[in-house]
Amino acid sequence: MLTSKQNNALNIMMALSEEKVIPVRDLISEVSLSVSYLESLIAVLRDEGLVKSMPGMYGGYALSRNPASITVTDILSAFSASDTPYPVVRALISVSLKDLQNSAQISKT
């Protein structure tokens, strides 16, 4: 079972998966989180090298690399309490963020 932090981190990463800078206000609207909670999750994702921040008037957040090279395990492990990922996290090691995005788009149609 995923923690709320892991679930919210996946939602954040899905919102950023278009490889463009997303302003904070748009990201908050997309994922329905408070500014402080969003910033705390983004800080972890940034420390793990998954997200980058862009300062300035047109700033916001973007993925630090191509979504095809980011695995679901990368995201979930950033919020795992131990160094050994849970079995469900390990099972998702070959699933990329791009795969997850494509799956979500298919299920919406």
PDB file of N, CA and C in Angstrom:
ATOM      1  N   MET A   1       0.837  -1.174   0.000  1.00  0.00           N
ATOM      2  CA  MET A   1       0.000   0.000   0.000  1.00  0.00           C
ATOM      3  C   MET A   1       0.886   1.244   0.000  1.00  0.00           C
ATOM      4  N   LEU A   2       0.486   2.241  -0.761  1.00  0.00           N
ATOM      5  CA  LEU A   2       1.263   3.477  -0.848  1.00  0.00           C
ATOM      6  C   LEU A   2       0.911   4.419   0.293  1.00  0.00           C
ATOM      7  N   THR A   3       1.909   5.167   0.735  1.00  0.00           N
ATOM      8  CA  THR A   3       1.652   6.199   1.730  1.00  0.00           C
ATOM      9  C   THR A   3       1.023   7.405   1.041  1.00  0.00           C
ATOM     10  N   SER A   4       0.471   8.315   1.803  1.00  0.00           N
ATOM     11  CA  SER A   4      -0.120   9.518   1.199  1.00  0.00           C
ATOM     12  C   SER A   4       0.965  10.359   0.522  1.00  0.00           C
ATOM     13  N   LYS A   5       2.160  10.395   1.107  1.00  0.00           N
ATOM     14  CA  LYS A   5       3.259  11.135   0.473  1.00  0.00           C
ATOM     15  C   LYS A   5       3.625  10.520  -0.876  1.00  0.00           C
ATOM     16  N   GLN A   6       3.693   9.198  -0.932  1.00  0.00           N
ATOM     17  CA  GLN A   6       4.011   8.538  -2.193  1.00  0.00           C
ATOM     18  C   GLN A   6       2.929   8.794  -3.241  1.00  0.00           C
ATOM     19  N   ASN A   7       1.680   8.695  -2.816  1.00  0.00           N
ATOM     20  CA  ASN A   7       0.567   8.942  -3.725  1.00  0.00           C
ATOM     21  C   ASN A   7       0.592  10.379  -4.244  1.00  0.00           C
ATOM     22  N   ASN A   8       0.792  11.329  -3.344  1.00  0.00           N
ATOM     23  CA  ASN A   8       0.854  12.735  -3.757  1.00  0.00           C
ATOM     24  C   ASN A   8       2.071  13.012  -4.631  1.00  0.00           C
ATOM     25  N   ALA A   9       3.194  12.359  -4.342  1.00  0.00           N
ATOM     26  CA  ALA A   9       4.392  12.529  -5.175  1.00  0.00           C
ATOM     27  C   ALA A   9       4.141  12.025  -6.594  1.00  0.00           C
ATOM     28  N   LEU A  10       3.453  10.905  -6.711  1.00  0.00           N
ATOM     29  CA  LEU A  10       3.104  10.401  -8.052  1.00  0.00           C
ATOM     30  C   LEU A  10       2.214  11.396  -8.788  1.00  0.00           C
ATOM     31  N   ASN A  11       1.245  11.977  -8.088  1.00  0.00           N
ATOM     32  CA  ASN A  11       0.370  12.973  -8.707  1.00  0.00           C
ATOM     33  C   ASN A  11       1.152  14.200  -9.162  1.00  0.00           C
ATOM     34  N   ILE A  12       2.082  14.640  -8.333  1.00  0.00           N
ATOM     35  CA  ILE A  12       2.920  15.785  -8.699  1.00  0.00           C
ATOM     36  C   ILE A  12       3.737  15.461  -9.947  1.00  0.00           C
ATOM     37  N   MET A  13       4.371  14.312  -9.929  1.00  0.00           N
ATOM     38  CA  MET A  13       5.212  13.937 -11.072  1.00  0.00           C
ATOM     39  C   MET A  13       4.386  13.766 -12.344  1.00  0.00           C
ATOM     40  N   MET A  14       3.171  13.262 -12.212  1.00  0.00           N
ATOM     41  CA  MET A  14       2.293  13.142 -13.386  1.00  0.00           C
ATOM     42  C   MET A  14       1.953  14.526 -13.940  1.00  0.00           C
ATOM     43  N   ALA A  15       1.735  15.484 -13.054  1.00  0.00           N
ATOM     44  CA  ALA A  15       1.417  16.847 -13.486  1.00  0.00           C
ATOM     45  C   ALA A  15       2.608  17.503 -14.167  1.00  0.00           C
ATOM     46  N   LEU A  16       3.821  17.090 -13.812  1.00  0.00           N
ATOM     47  CA  LEU A  16       5.032  17.667 -14.399  1.00  0.00           C
ATOM     48  C   LEU A  16       5.539  16.901 -15.608  1.00  0.00           C
ATOM     49  N   SER A  17       4.898  15.862 -16.000  1.00  0.00           N
ATOM     50  CA  SER A  17       5.449  14.972 -17.007  1.00  0.00           C
ATOM     51  C   SER A  17       5.440  15.507 -18.434  1.00  0.00           C
ATOM     52  N   GLU A  18       4.945  16.710 -18.651  1.00  0.00           N
ATOM     53  CA  GLU A  18       4.929  17.266 -20.001  1.00  0.00           C
ATOM     54  C   GLU A  18       6.233  17.950 -20.389  1.00  0.00           C
ATOM     55  N   GLU A  19       7.244  17.868 -19.517  1.00  0.00           N
ATOM     56  CA  GLU A  19       8.568  18.420 -19.780  1.00  0.00           C
ATOM     57  C   GLU A  19       8.556  19.923 -20.033  1.00  0.00           C
ATOM     58  N   LYS A  20       7.683  20.624 -19.362  1.00  0.00           N
ATOM     59  CA  LYS A  20       7.688  22.078 -19.417  1.00  0.00           C
ATOM     60  C   LYS A  20       7.568  22.611 -18.001  1.00  0.00           C
ATOM     61  N   VAL A  21       7.936  23.868 -17.829  1.00  0.00           N
ATOM     62  CA  VAL A  21       7.864  24.481 -16.503  1.00  0.00           C
ATOM     63  C   VAL A  21       6.407  24.744 -16.153  1.00  0.00           C
ATOM     64  N   ILE A  22       6.000  24.275 -14.977  1.00  0.00           N
ATOM     65  CA  ILE A  22       4.635  24.462 -14.499  1.00  0.00           C
ATOM     66  C   ILE A  22       4.687  25.453 -13.332  1.00  0.00           C
ATOM     67  N   PRO A  23       3.998  26.587 -13.452  1.00  0.00           N
ATOM     68  CA  PRO A  23       3.974  27.538 -12.335  1.00  0.00           C
ATOM     69  C   PRO A  23       3.366  26.900 -11.082  1.00  0.00           C
ATOM     70  N   VAL A  24       3.830  27.341  -9.921  1.00  0.00           N
ATOM     71  CA  VAL A  24       3.377  26.775  -8.646  1.00  0.00           C
ATOM     72  C   VAL A  24       1.864  26.836  -8.528  1.00  0.00           C
ATOM     73  N   ARG A  25       1.259  27.955  -8.872  1.00  0.00           N
ATOM     74  CA  ARG A  25      -0.201  28.081  -8.724  1.00  0.00           C
ATOM     75  C   ARG A  25      -0.941  27.066  -9.598  1.00  0.00           C
ATOM     76  N   ASP A  26      -0.419  26.785 -10.777  1.00  0.00           N
ATOM     77  CA  ASP A  26      -1.048  25.783 -11.645  1.00  0.00           C
ATOM     78  C   ASP A  26      -0.870  24.377 -11.078  1.00  0.00           C
ATOM     79  N   LEU A  27       0.310  24.125 -10.526  1.00  0.00           N
ATOM     80  CA  LEU A  27       0.583  22.817  -9.943  1.00  0.00           C
ATOM     81  C   LEU A  27      -0.301  22.570  -8.722  1.00  0.00           C
ATOM     82  N   ILE A  28      -0.465  23.587  -7.895  1.00  0.00           N
ATOM     83  CA  ILE A  28      -1.336  23.475  -6.718  1.00  0.00           C
ATOM     84  C   ILE A  28      -2.763  23.162  -7.149  1.00  0.00           C
ATOM     85  N   SER A  29      -3.217  23.840  -8.170  1.00  0.00           N
ATOM     86  CA  SER A  29      -4.563  23.607  -8.689  1.00  0.00           C
ATOM     87  C   SER A  29      -4.704  22.190  -9.241  1.00  0.00           C
ATOM     88  N   GLU A  30      -3.683  21.724  -9.920  1.00  0.00           N
ATOM     89  CA  GLU A  30      -3.705  20.399 -10.544  1.00  0.00           C
ATOM     90  C   GLU A  30      -3.728  19.269  -9.516  1.00  0.00           C
ATOM     91  N   VAL A  31      -2.942  19.395  -8.460  1.00  0.00           N
ATOM     92  CA  VAL A  31      -2.810  18.299  -7.498  1.00  0.00           C
ATOM     93  C   VAL A  31      -3.602  18.503  -6.209  1.00  0.00           C
ATOM     94  N   SER A  32      -4.202  19.666  -6.044  1.00  0.00           N
ATOM     95  CA  SER A  32      -5.057  19.970  -4.885  1.00  0.00           C
ATOM     96  C   SER A  32      -4.343  19.766  -3.546  1.00  0.00           C
ATOM     97  N   LEU A  33      -3.184  20.391  -3.412  1.00  0.00           N
ATOM     98  CA  LEU A  33      -2.420  20.347  -2.175  1.00  0.00           C
ATOM     99  C   LEU A  33      -2.143  21.765  -1.700  1.00  0.00           C
ATOM    100  N   SER A  34      -1.888  21.916  -0.410  1.00  0.00           N
ATOM    101  CA  SER A  34      -1.513  23.239   0.108  1.00  0.00           C
ATOM    102  C   SER A  34      -0.110  23.585  -0.382  1.00  0.00           C
ATOM    103  N   VAL A  35       0.200  24.858  -0.395  1.00  0.00           N
ATOM    104  CA  VAL A  35       1.509  25.317  -0.843  1.00  0.00           C
ATOM    105  C   VAL A  35       2.621  24.694   0.001  1.00  0.00           C
ATOM    106  N   SER A  36       2.458  24.719   1.315  1.00  0.00           N
ATOM    107  CA  SER A  36       3.519  24.213   2.194  1.00  0.00           C
ATOM    108  C   SER A  36       3.738  22.710   2.013  1.00  0.00           C
ATOM    109  N   TYR A  37       2.660  21.957   1.876  1.00  0.00           N
ATOM    110  CA  TYR A  37       2.791  20.507   1.696  1.00  0.00           C
ATOM    111  C   TYR A  37       3.416  20.201   0.334  1.00  0.00           C
ATOM    112  N   LEU A  38       2.965  20.897  -0.698  1.00  0.00           N
ATOM    113  CA  LEU A  38       3.534  20.729  -2.033  1.00  0.00           C
ATOM    114  C   LEU A  38       5.027  21.014  -2.008  1.00  0.00           C
ATOM    115  N   GLU A  39       5.416  22.118  -1.390  1.00  0.00           N
ATOM    116  CA  GLU A  39       6.830  22.504  -1.331  1.00  0.00           C
ATOM    117  C   GLU A  39       7.659  21.460  -0.589  1.00  0.00           C
ATOM    118  N   SER A  40       7.099  20.861   0.464  1.00  0.00           N
ATOM    119  CA  SER A  40       7.851  19.844   1.206  1.00  0.00           C
ATOM    120  C   SER A  40       8.070  18.592   0.357  1.00  0.00           C
ATOM    121  N   LEU A  41       7.081  18.218  -0.423  1.00  0.00           N
ATOM    122  CA  LEU A  41       7.224  17.055  -1.301  1.00  0.00           C
ATOM    123  C   LEU A  41       8.178  17.358  -2.453  1.00  0.00           C
ATOM    124  N   ILE A  42       8.054  18.548  -3.027  1.00  0.00           N
ATOM    125  CA  ILE A  42       8.941  18.955  -4.114  1.00  0.00           C
ATOM    126  C   ILE A  42      10.392  18.973  -3.641  1.00  0.00           C
ATOM    127  N   ALA A  43      10.633  19.403  -2.402  1.00  0.00           N
ATOM    128  CA  ALA A  43      12.001  19.442  -1.869  1.00  0.00           C
ATOM    129  C   ALA A  43      12.630  18.054  -1.880  1.00  0.00           C
ATOM    130  N   VAL A  44      11.863  17.043  -1.498  1.00  0.00           N
ATOM    131  CA  VAL A  44      12.372  15.670  -1.512  1.00  0.00           C
ATOM    132  C   VAL A  44      12.632  15.218  -2.949  1.00  0.00           C
ATOM    133  N   LEU A  45      11.685  15.489  -3.838  1.00  0.00           N
ATOM    134  CA  LEU A  45      11.840  15.102  -5.243  1.00  0.00           C
ATOM    135  C   LEU A  45      13.043  15.809  -5.878  1.00  0.00           C
ATOM    136  N   ARG A  46      13.263  17.057  -5.508  1.00  0.00           N
ATOM    137  CA  ARG A  46      14.413  17.819  -6.017  1.00  0.00           C
ATOM    138  C   ARG A  46      15.719  17.226  -5.474  1.00  0.00           C
ATOM    139  N   ASP A  47      15.741  16.892  -4.190  1.00  0.00           N
ATOM    140  CA  ASP A  47      16.936  16.290  -3.589  1.00  0.00           C
ATOM    141  C   ASP A  47      17.279  14.951  -4.237  1.00  0.00           C
ATOM    142  N   GLU A  48      16.273  14.253  -4.708  1.00  0.00           N
ATOM    143  CA  GLU A  48      16.478  12.964  -5.374  1.00  0.00           C
ATOM    144  C   GLU A  48      16.827  13.128  -6.856  1.00  0.00           C
ATOM    145  N   GLY A  49      16.861  14.377  -7.328  1.00  0.00           N
ATOM    146  CA  GLY A  49      17.217  14.640  -8.721  1.00  0.00           C
ATOM    147  C   GLY A  49      16.107  14.376  -9.713  1.00  0.00           C
ATOM    148  N   LEU A  50      14.857  14.375  -9.240  1.00  0.00           N
ATOM    149  CA  LEU A  50      13.720  14.090 -10.121  1.00  0.00           C
ATOM    150  C   LEU A  50      13.044  15.354 -10.644  1.00  0.00           C
ATOM    151  N   VAL A  51      13.152  16.440  -9.884  1.00  0.00           N
ATOM    152  CA  VAL A  51      12.480  17.696 -10.207  1.00  0.00           C
ATOM    153  C   VAL A  51      13.492  18.824 -10.124  1.00  0.00           C
ATOM    154  N   LYS A  52      13.314  19.824 -10.972  1.00  0.00           N
ATOM    155  CA  LYS A  52      14.143  21.028 -10.883  1.00  0.00           C
ATOM    156  C   LYS A  52      13.232  22.237 -10.742  1.00  0.00           C
ATOM    157  N   SER A  53      13.731  23.256 -10.089  1.00  0.00           N
ATOM    158  CA  SER A  53      12.944  24.470  -9.920  1.00  0.00           C
ATOM    159  C   SER A  53      13.520  25.561 -10.807  1.00  0.00           C
ATOM    160  N   MET A  54      12.640  26.395 -11.289  1.00  0.00           N
ATOM    161  CA  MET A  54      13.012  27.516 -12.144  1.00  0.00           C
ATOM    162  C   MET A  54      12.539  28.789 -11.459  1.00  0.00           C
ATOM    163  N   PRO A  55      13.474  29.631 -11.009  1.00  0.00           N
ATOM    164  CA  PRO A  55      13.078  30.860 -10.332  1.00  0.00           C
ATOM    165  C   PRO A  55      12.607  31.931 -11.316  1.00  0.00           C
ATOM    166  N   GLY A  56      11.995  32.952 -10.778  1.00  0.00           N
ATOM    167  CA  GLY A  56      11.625  34.101 -11.594  1.00  0.00           C
ATOM    168  C   GLY A  56      10.154  34.180 -11.917  1.00  0.00           C
ATOM    169  N   MET A  57       9.830  35.224 -12.654  1.00  0.00           N
ATOM    170  CA  MET A  57       8.444  35.516 -12.999  1.00  0.00           C
ATOM    171  C   MET A  57       7.764  34.364 -13.749  1.00  0.00           C
ATOM    172  N   TYR A  58       8.501  33.698 -14.594  1.00  0.00           N
ATOM    173  CA  TYR A  58       7.945  32.584 -15.366  1.00  0.00           C
ATOM    174  C   TYR A  58       8.435  31.245 -14.803  1.00  0.00           C
ATOM    175  N   GLY A  59       8.811  31.261 -13.545  1.00  0.00           N
ATOM    176  CA  GLY A  59       9.360  30.077 -12.902  1.00  0.00           C
ATOM    177  C   GLY A  59       8.302  29.093 -12.469  1.00  0.00           C
ATOM    178  N   GLY A  60       8.772  28.023 -11.913  1.00  0.00           N
ATOM    179  CA  GLY A  60       7.914  26.949 -11.426  1.00  0.00           C
ATOM    180  C   GLY A  60       8.739  25.691 -11.307  1.00  0.00           C
ATOM    181  N   TYR A  61       8.148  24.572 -11.643  1.00  0.00           N
ATOM    182  CA  TYR A  61       8.827  23.294 -11.520  1.00  0.00           C
ATOM    183  C   TYR A  61       8.729  22.517 -12.826  1.00  0.00           C
ATOM    184  N   ALA A  62       9.733  21.697 -13.053  1.00  0.00           N
ATOM    185  CA  ALA A  62       9.770  20.825 -14.224  1.00  0.00           C
ATOM    186  C   ALA A  62      10.490  19.543 -13.841  1.00  0.00           C
ATOM    187  N   LEU A  63      10.310  18.527 -14.656  1.00  0.00           N
ATOM    188  CA  LEU A  63      11.068  17.296 -14.451  1.00  0.00           C
ATOM    189  C   LEU A  63      12.533  17.579 -14.751  1.00  0.00           C
ATOM    190  N   SER A  64      13.423  16.934 -14.034  1.00  0.00           N
ATOM    191  CA  SER A  64      14.852  17.152 -14.265  1.00  0.00           C
ATOM    192  C   SER A  64      15.381  16.330 -15.437  1.00  0.00           C
ATOM    193  N   ARG A  65      14.602  15.344 -15.858  1.00  0.00           N
ATOM    194  CA  ARG A  65      14.997  14.535 -17.015  1.00  0.00           C
ATOM    195  C   ARG A  65      13.756  13.986 -17.706  1.00  0.00           C
ATOM    196  N   ASN A  66      13.956  13.324 -18.810  1.00  0.00           N
ATOM    197  CA  ASN A  66      12.882  12.766 -19.613  1.00  0.00           C
ATOM    198  C   ASN A  66      12.030  11.808 -18.774  1.00  0.00           C
ATOM    199  N   PRO A  67      10.692  11.899 -18.871  1.00  0.00           N
ATOM    200  CA  PRO A  67       9.834  11.016 -18.072  1.00  0.00           C
ATOM    201  C   PRO A  67      10.020   9.529 -18.382  1.00  0.00           C
ATOM    202  N   ALA A  68      10.526   9.212 -19.554  1.00  0.00           N
ATOM    203  CA  ALA A  68      10.778   7.802 -19.882  1.00  0.00           C
ATOM    204  C   ALA A  68      11.944   7.247 -19.075  1.00  0.00           C
ATOM    205  N   SER A  69      12.795   8.127 -18.542  1.00  0.00           N
ATOM    206  CA  SER A  69      13.955   7.661 -17.774  1.00  0.00           C
ATOM    207  C   SER A  69      13.723   7.703 -16.260  1.00  0.00           C
ATOM    208  N   ILE A  70      12.551   8.157 -15.844  1.00  0.00           N
ATOM    209  CA  ILE A  70      12.194   8.193 -14.424  1.00  0.00           C
ATOM    210  C   ILE A  70      11.246   7.029 -14.160  1.00  0.00           C
ATOM    211  N   THR A  71      11.618   6.168 -13.221  1.00  0.00           N
ATOM    212  CA  THR A  71      10.733   5.032 -12.927  1.00  0.00           C
ATOM    213  C   THR A  71       9.816   5.366 -11.752  1.00  0.00           C
ATOM    214  N   VAL A  72       8.724   4.647 -11.691  1.00  0.00           N
ATOM    215  CA  VAL A  72       7.808   4.782 -10.561  1.00  0.00           C
ATOM    216  C   VAL A  72       8.557   4.447  -9.273  1.00  0.00           C
ATOM    217  N   THR A  73       9.460   3.481  -9.347  1.00  0.00           N
ATOM    218  CA  THR A  73      10.271   3.115  -8.186  1.00  0.00           C
ATOM    219  C   THR A  73      11.129   4.289  -7.722  1.00  0.00           C
ATOM    220  N   ASP A  74      11.692   5.073  -8.661  1.00  0.00           N
ATOM    221  CA  ASP A  74      12.467   6.260  -8.288  1.00  0.00           C
ATOM    222  C   ASP A  74      11.630   7.197  -7.425  1.00  0.00           C
ATOM    223  N   ILE A  75      10.394   7.408  -7.838  1.00  0.00           N
ATOM    224  CA  ILE A  75       9.503   8.340  -7.138  1.00  0.00           C
ATOM    225  C   ILE A  75       9.103   7.789  -5.770  1.00  0.00           C
ATOM    226  N   LEU A  76       8.640   6.551  -5.747  1.00  0.00           N
ATOM    227  CA  LEU A  76       8.167   5.958  -4.495  1.00  0.00           C
ATOM    228  C   LEU A  76       9.294   5.763  -3.485  1.00  0.00           C
ATOM    229  N   SER A  77      10.470   5.389  -3.973  1.00  0.00           N
ATOM    230  CA  SER A  77      11.610   5.169  -3.078  1.00  0.00           C
ATOM    231  C   SER A  77      12.064   6.449  -2.394  1.00  0.00           C
ATOM    232  N   ALA A  78      11.821   7.588  -3.022  1.00  0.00           N
ATOM    233  CA  ALA A  78      12.186   8.874  -2.412  1.00  0.00           C
ATOM    234  C   ALA A  78      11.431   9.095  -1.106  1.00  0.00           C
ATOM    235  N   PHE A  79      10.293   8.436  -0.962  1.00  0.00           N
ATOM    236  CA  PHE A  79       9.457   8.595   0.227  1.00  0.00           C
ATOM    237  C   PHE A  79       9.342   7.303   1.030  1.00  0.00           C
ATOM    238  N   SER A  80      10.283   6.413   0.836  1.00  0.00           N
ATOM    239  CA  SER A  80      10.310   5.152   1.570  1.00  0.00           C
ATOM    240  C   SER A  80      11.180   5.321   2.808  1.00  0.00           C
ATOM    241  N   ALA A  81      10.716   4.817   3.928  1.00  0.00           N
ATOM    242  CA  ALA A  81      11.425   4.973   5.203  1.00  0.00           C
ATOM    243  C   ALA A  81      12.695   4.126   5.280  1.00  0.00           C
ATOM    244  N   SER A  82      12.761   3.051   4.526  1.00  0.00           N
ATOM    245  CA  SER A  82      13.945   2.190   4.592  1.00  0.00           C
ATOM    246  C   SER A  82      14.681   2.205   3.262  1.00  0.00           C
ATOM    247  N   ASP A  83      15.896   1.694   3.282  1.00  0.00           N
ATOM    248  CA  ASP A  83      16.685   1.610   2.051  1.00  0.00           C
ATOM    249  C   ASP A  83      16.195   0.506   1.128  1.00  0.00           C
ATOM    250  N   THR A  84      15.490  -0.473   1.679  1.00  0.00           N
ATOM    251  CA  THR A  84      14.952  -1.557   0.878  1.00  0.00           C
ATOM    252  C   THR A  84      13.501  -1.242   0.523  1.00  0.00           C
ATOM    253  N   PRO A  85      13.218  -1.079  -0.765  1.00  0.00           N
ATOM    254  CA  PRO A  85      11.849  -0.736  -1.154  1.00  0.00           C
ATOM    255  C   PRO A  85      10.856  -1.843  -0.821  1.00  0.00           C
ATOM    256  N   TYR A  86       9.627  -1.436  -0.595  1.00  0.00           N
ATOM    257  CA  TYR A  86       8.558  -2.397  -0.374  1.00  0.00           C
ATOM    258  C   TYR A  86       8.392  -3.256  -1.615  1.00  0.00           C
ATOM    259  N   PRO A  87       7.818  -4.467  -1.486  1.00  0.00           N
ATOM    260  CA  PRO A  87       7.648  -5.339  -2.659  1.00  0.00           C
ATOM    261  C   PRO A  87       6.906  -4.664  -3.812  1.00  0.00           C
ATOM    262  N   VAL A  88       5.884  -3.882  -3.516  1.00  0.00           N
ATOM    263  CA  VAL A  88       5.151  -3.217  -4.601  1.00  0.00           C
ATOM    264  C   VAL A  88       6.038  -2.195  -5.308  1.00  0.00           C
ATOM    265  N   VAL A  89       6.900  -1.537  -4.567  1.00  0.00           N
ATOM    266  CA  VAL A  89       7.808  -0.559  -5.166  1.00  0.00           C
ATOM    267  C   VAL A  89       8.801  -1.282  -6.076  1.00  0.00           C
ATOM    268  N   ARG A  90       9.347  -2.391  -5.595  1.00  0.00           N
ATOM    269  CA  ARG A  90      10.284  -3.168  -6.419  1.00  0.00           C
ATOM    270  C   ARG A  90       9.613  -3.711  -7.677  1.00  0.00           C
ATOM    271  N   ALA A  91       8.346  -4.078  -7.576  1.00  0.00           N
ATOM    272  CA  ALA A  91       7.624  -4.617  -8.731  1.00  0.00           C
ATOM    273  C   ALA A  91       7.450  -3.576  -9.829  1.00  0.00           C
ATOM    274  N   LEU A  92       7.526  -2.308  -9.458  1.00  0.00           N
ATOM    275  CA  LEU A  92       7.323  -1.221 -10.428  1.00  0.00           C
ATOM    276  C   LEU A  92       8.621  -0.664 -10.982  1.00  0.00           C
ATOM    277  N   ILE A  93       9.724  -1.355 -10.785  1.00  0.00           N
ATOM    278  CA  ILE A  93      11.026  -0.828 -11.180  1.00  0.00           C
ATOM    279  C   ILE A  93      11.142  -0.586 -12.687  1.00  0.00           C
ATOM    280  N   SER A  94      10.427  -1.346 -13.485  1.00  0.00           N
ATOM    281  CA  SER A  94      10.524  -1.170 -14.939  1.00  0.00           C
ATOM    282  C   SER A  94       9.426  -0.277 -15.510  1.00  0.00           C
ATOM    283  N   VAL A  95       8.563   0.258 -14.663  1.00  0.00           N
ATOM    284  CA  VAL A  95       7.489   1.133 -15.125  1.00  0.00           C
ATOM    285  C   VAL A  95       7.972   2.576 -15.060  1.00  0.00           C
ATOM    286  N   SER A  96       8.005   3.237 -16.215  1.00  0.00           N
ATOM    287  CA  SER A  96       8.470   4.619 -16.251  1.00  0.00           C
ATOM    288  C   SER A  96       7.312   5.585 -15.999  1.00  0.00           C
ATOM    289  N   LEU A  97       7.676   6.808 -15.680  1.00  0.00           N
ATOM    290  CA  LEU A  97       6.676   7.861 -15.510  1.00  0.00           C
ATOM    291  C   LEU A  97       5.896   8.041 -16.805  1.00  0.00           C
ATOM    292  N   LYS A  98       6.565   7.916 -17.927  1.00  0.00           N
ATOM    293  CA  LYS A  98       5.911   8.031 -19.235  1.00  0.00           C
ATOM    294  C   LYS A  98       4.879   6.915 -19.413  1.00  0.00           C
ATOM    295  N   ASP A  99       5.219   5.690 -18.994  1.00  0.00           N
ATOM    296  CA  ASP A  99       4.260   4.571 -19.046  1.00  0.00           C
ATOM    297  C   ASP A  99       3.032   4.881 -18.200  1.00  0.00           C
ATOM    298  N   LEU A 100       3.270   5.412 -17.013  1.00  0.00           N
ATOM    299  CA  LEU A 100       2.182   5.750 -16.102  1.00  0.00           C
ATOM    300  C   LEU A 100       1.293   6.838 -16.699  1.00  0.00           C
ATOM    301  N   GLN A 101       1.919   7.834 -17.300  1.00  0.00           N
ATOM    302  CA  GLN A 101       1.159   8.907 -17.948  1.00  0.00           C
ATOM    303  C   GLN A 101       0.317   8.353 -19.096  1.00  0.00           C
ATOM    304  N   ASN A 102       0.903   7.510 -19.911  1.00  0.00           N
ATOM    305  CA  ASN A 102       0.161   6.922 -21.031  1.00  0.00           C
ATOM    306  C   ASN A 102      -1.010   6.088 -20.539  1.00  0.00           C
ATOM    307  N   SER A 103      -0.802   5.339 -19.486  1.00  0.00           N
ATOM    308  CA  SER A 103      -1.872   4.521 -18.910  1.00  0.00           C
ATOM    309  C   SER A 103      -3.012   5.388 -18.381  1.00  0.00           C
ATOM    310  N   ALA A 104      -2.663   6.496 -17.740  1.00  0.00           N
ATOM    311  CA  ALA A 104      -3.688   7.396 -17.217  1.00  0.00           C
ATOM    312  C   ALA A 104      -4.485   8.029 -18.343  1.00  0.00           C
ATOM    313  N   GLN A 105      -3.840   8.359 -19.443  1.00  0.00           N
ATOM    314  CA  GLN A 105      -4.542   8.951 -20.580  1.00  0.00           C
ATOM    315  C   GLN A 105      -5.490   7.956 -21.215  1.00  0.00           C
ATOM    316  N   ILE A 106      -5.080   6.706 -21.298  1.00  0.00           N
ATOM    317  CA  ILE A 106      -5.935   5.665 -21.874  1.00  0.00           C
ATOM    318  C   ILE A 106      -7.171   5.445 -21.003  1.00  0.00           C
ATOM    319  N   SER A 107      -6.980   5.453 -19.683  1.00  0.00           N
ATOM    320  CA  SER A 107      -8.115   5.199 -18.800  1.00  0.00           C
ATOM    321  C   SER A 107      -9.109   6.358 -18.771  1.00  0.00           C
ATOM    322  N   LYS A 108      -8.685   7.557 -19.168  1.00  0.00           N
ATOM    323  CA  LYS A 108      -9.596   8.707 -19.219  1.00  0.00           C
ATOM    324  C   LYS A 108     -10.497   8.663 -20.445  1.00  0.00           C
ATOM    325  N   THR A 109     -10.101   7.903 -21.468  1.00  0.00           N
ATOM    326  CA  THR A 109     -10.900   7.848 -22.698  1.00  0.00           C
ATOM    327  C   THR A 109     -11.904   6.732 -22.680  1.00  0.00           C
TER     328      THR A 109
END
